Amino acid sequence: MKRTTGAIGAVVAALTVLAPTAAAKDGDIEAAGTCTRATTSELKLGDEDGAIEVEFEVDQNRNGVRWVVTLHRNGVLVGTRSRVTRGPSGSLEVRFVARNGLGADRFVARAARVGERCVARASFA
């Protein structure tokens, strides 16, 4: 078995401690989005005292880029927000709280900037 040098092991240990972990609460729904370029996006739905908490994250790895985010629930606009990507990772997050209707609620989140678009879809029952 090969051993890593002390310096490499220390860097790996430091990155493991510093890197944030994504842990969803029980019952949360997470869906990866698709983007037209190298950007990534993710939609997360969860219970918020009988309503639905909706979080949409866009990670572009570049700070200072303005995006316009829209959220639709069952085809009806919930809201629109404008956000700018920020450090340290060049990402943005938009949070909405929507009422929980009868049956399944289908959410579509979209983010757009000049020359690029992201979309993610998920349902919450």
Protein backbone atom coordinates (compact mmCIF):
# COMPACT_ATOMS: atom_id res chain seq x y z
CA MET A 1 0.00 0.00 0.00
CA LYS A 2 1.33 3.45 -0.90
CA ARG A 3 1.50 6.22 1.67
CA THR A 4 0.77 9.82 0.79
CA THR A 5 3.28 12.38 1.86
CA GLY A 6 2.49 14.44 4.94
CA ALA A 7 1.89 17.63 2.94
CA ILE A 8 -0.59 16.00 0.56
CA GLY A 9 -2.38 14.27 3.44
CA ALA A 10 -2.65 17.57 5.31
CA VAL A 11 -4.13 19.32 2.26
CA VAL A 12 -6.66 16.54 1.73
CA ALA A 13 -7.63 16.64 5.42
CA ALA A 14 -8.00 20.44 5.31
CA LEU A 15 -10.18 20.29 2.19
CA THR A 16 -12.35 17.61 3.76
CA VAL A 17 -12.94 19.77 6.82
CA LEU A 18 -13.52 23.01 4.85
CA ALA A 19 -15.72 21.63 2.08
CA PRO A 20 -19.45 22.10 2.76
CA THR A 21 -21.62 19.02 2.63
CA ALA A 22 -25.13 18.97 1.23
CA ALA A 23 -27.39 17.18 3.65
CA ALA A 24 -31.08 17.15 2.90
CA LYS A 25 -33.59 16.93 5.71
CA ASP A 26 -35.83 13.89 5.80
CA GLY A 27 -38.57 14.28 3.21
CA ASP A 28 -36.72 16.93 1.18
CA ILE A 29 -36.63 16.47 -2.56
CA GLU A 30 -33.55 17.42 -4.56
CA ALA A 31 -33.35 17.59 -8.34
CA ALA A 32 -30.36 18.44 -10.48
CA GLY A 33 -31.05 21.03 -13.13
CA THR A 34 -29.65 21.39 -16.62
CA CYS A 35 -27.77 24.40 -17.96
CA THR A 36 -26.75 25.40 -21.46
CA ARG A 37 -23.07 25.80 -20.48
CA ALA A 38 -20.75 24.56 -17.72
CA THR A 39 -22.92 26.05 -14.94
CA THR A 40 -24.76 23.66 -12.61
CA SER A 41 -28.08 24.09 -10.85
CA GLU A 42 -30.12 22.29 -8.21
CA LEU A 43 -33.69 22.59 -6.96
CA LYS A 44 -34.60 21.57 -3.42
CA LEU A 45 -38.14 21.28 -2.03
CA GLY A 46 -39.02 20.75 1.63
CA ASP A 47 -41.78 21.17 4.19
CA GLU A 48 -41.90 24.59 5.88
CA ASP A 49 -44.63 24.53 8.55
CA GLY A 50 -47.27 23.28 6.12
CA ALA A 51 -45.99 25.34 3.17
CA ILE A 52 -43.28 24.34 0.69
CA GLU A 53 -39.79 25.81 0.96
CA VAL A 54 -38.18 26.03 -2.47
CA GLU A 55 -34.45 26.66 -2.85
CA PHE A 56 -32.83 27.01 -6.25
CA GLU A 57 -29.04 27.17 -6.48
CA VAL A 58 -27.00 28.14 -9.51
CA ASP A 59 -23.23 27.56 -9.42
CA GLN A 60 -21.27 29.26 -12.17
CA ASN A 61 -17.84 29.42 -10.47
CA ARG A 62 -17.61 33.10 -11.37
CA ASN A 63 -18.45 36.03 -9.07
CA GLY A 64 -20.38 39.14 -10.05
CA VAL A 65 -22.69 37.68 -12.71
CA ARG A 66 -26.36 38.76 -12.59
CA TRP A 67 -29.04 36.10 -13.10
CA VAL A 68 -32.83 36.40 -13.19
CA VAL A 69 -34.60 33.49 -11.49
CA THR A 70 -38.28 32.59 -11.93
CA LEU A 71 -40.29 29.93 -10.15
CA HIS A 72 -43.56 28.41 -11.38
CA ARG A 73 -45.85 26.11 -9.39
CA ASN A 74 -48.30 24.09 -11.49
CA GLY A 75 -47.75 26.51 -14.38
CA VAL A 76 -48.46 29.66 -12.32
CA LEU A 77 -45.71 32.18 -11.56
CA VAL A 78 -44.73 32.14 -7.87
CA GLY A 79 -42.09 34.87 -8.16
CA THR A 80 -39.11 36.40 -9.90
CA ARG A 81 -35.82 37.37 -8.28
CA SER A 82 -32.62 38.93 -9.56
CA ARG A 83 -29.38 37.75 -7.93
CA VAL A 84 -25.64 38.11 -8.46
CA THR A 85 -23.21 35.23 -8.05
CA ARG A 86 -20.94 35.67 -5.02
CA GLY A 87 -17.86 34.08 -3.52
CA PRO A 88 -16.32 31.98 -2.49
CA SER A 89 -17.79 29.60 -5.08
CA GLY A 90 -19.38 31.96 -7.62
CA SER A 91 -22.88 30.75 -6.87
CA LEU A 92 -26.27 32.14 -5.93
CA GLU A 93 -29.27 30.80 -4.07
CA VAL A 94 -32.87 31.93 -4.25
CA ARG A 95 -35.45 30.90 -1.64
CA PHE A 96 -39.20 30.96 -2.06
CA VAL A 97 -41.99 29.74 0.23
CA ALA A 98 -45.07 28.55 -1.66
CA ARG A 99 -48.40 27.33 -0.36
CA ASN A 100 -48.93 23.59 -0.37
CA GLY A 101 -51.92 22.82 -2.55
CA LEU A 102 -53.93 19.62 -2.66
CA GLY A 103 -52.12 16.75 -4.33
CA ALA A 104 -48.73 17.01 -5.98
CA ASP A 105 -47.27 20.44 -6.69
CA ARG A 106 -44.97 20.61 -9.71
CA PHE A 107 -42.24 23.27 -9.57
CA VAL A 108 -40.12 24.60 -12.43
CA ALA A 109 -37.26 26.96 -11.60
CA ARG A 110 -35.44 28.84 -14.33
CA ALA A 111 -32.37 31.05 -14.20
CA ALA A 112 -31.20 33.16 -17.11
CA ARG A 113 -28.34 35.50 -17.91
CA VAL A 114 -27.01 36.79 -21.20
CA GLY A 115 -26.06 33.73 -23.24
CA GLU A 116 -27.05 31.05 -20.73
CA ARG A 117 -30.06 29.39 -19.13
CA CYS A 118 -30.66 26.80 -16.42
CA VAL A 119 -33.83 24.88 -15.56
CA ALA A 120 -34.75 22.39 -12.84
CA ARG A 121 -38.01 20.53 -12.19
CA ALA A 122 -39.37 18.67 -9.18
CA SER A 123 -42.69 17.69 -7.62
CA PHE A 124 -43.73 17.79 -3.97
CA ALA A 125 -46.66 15.75 -2.68
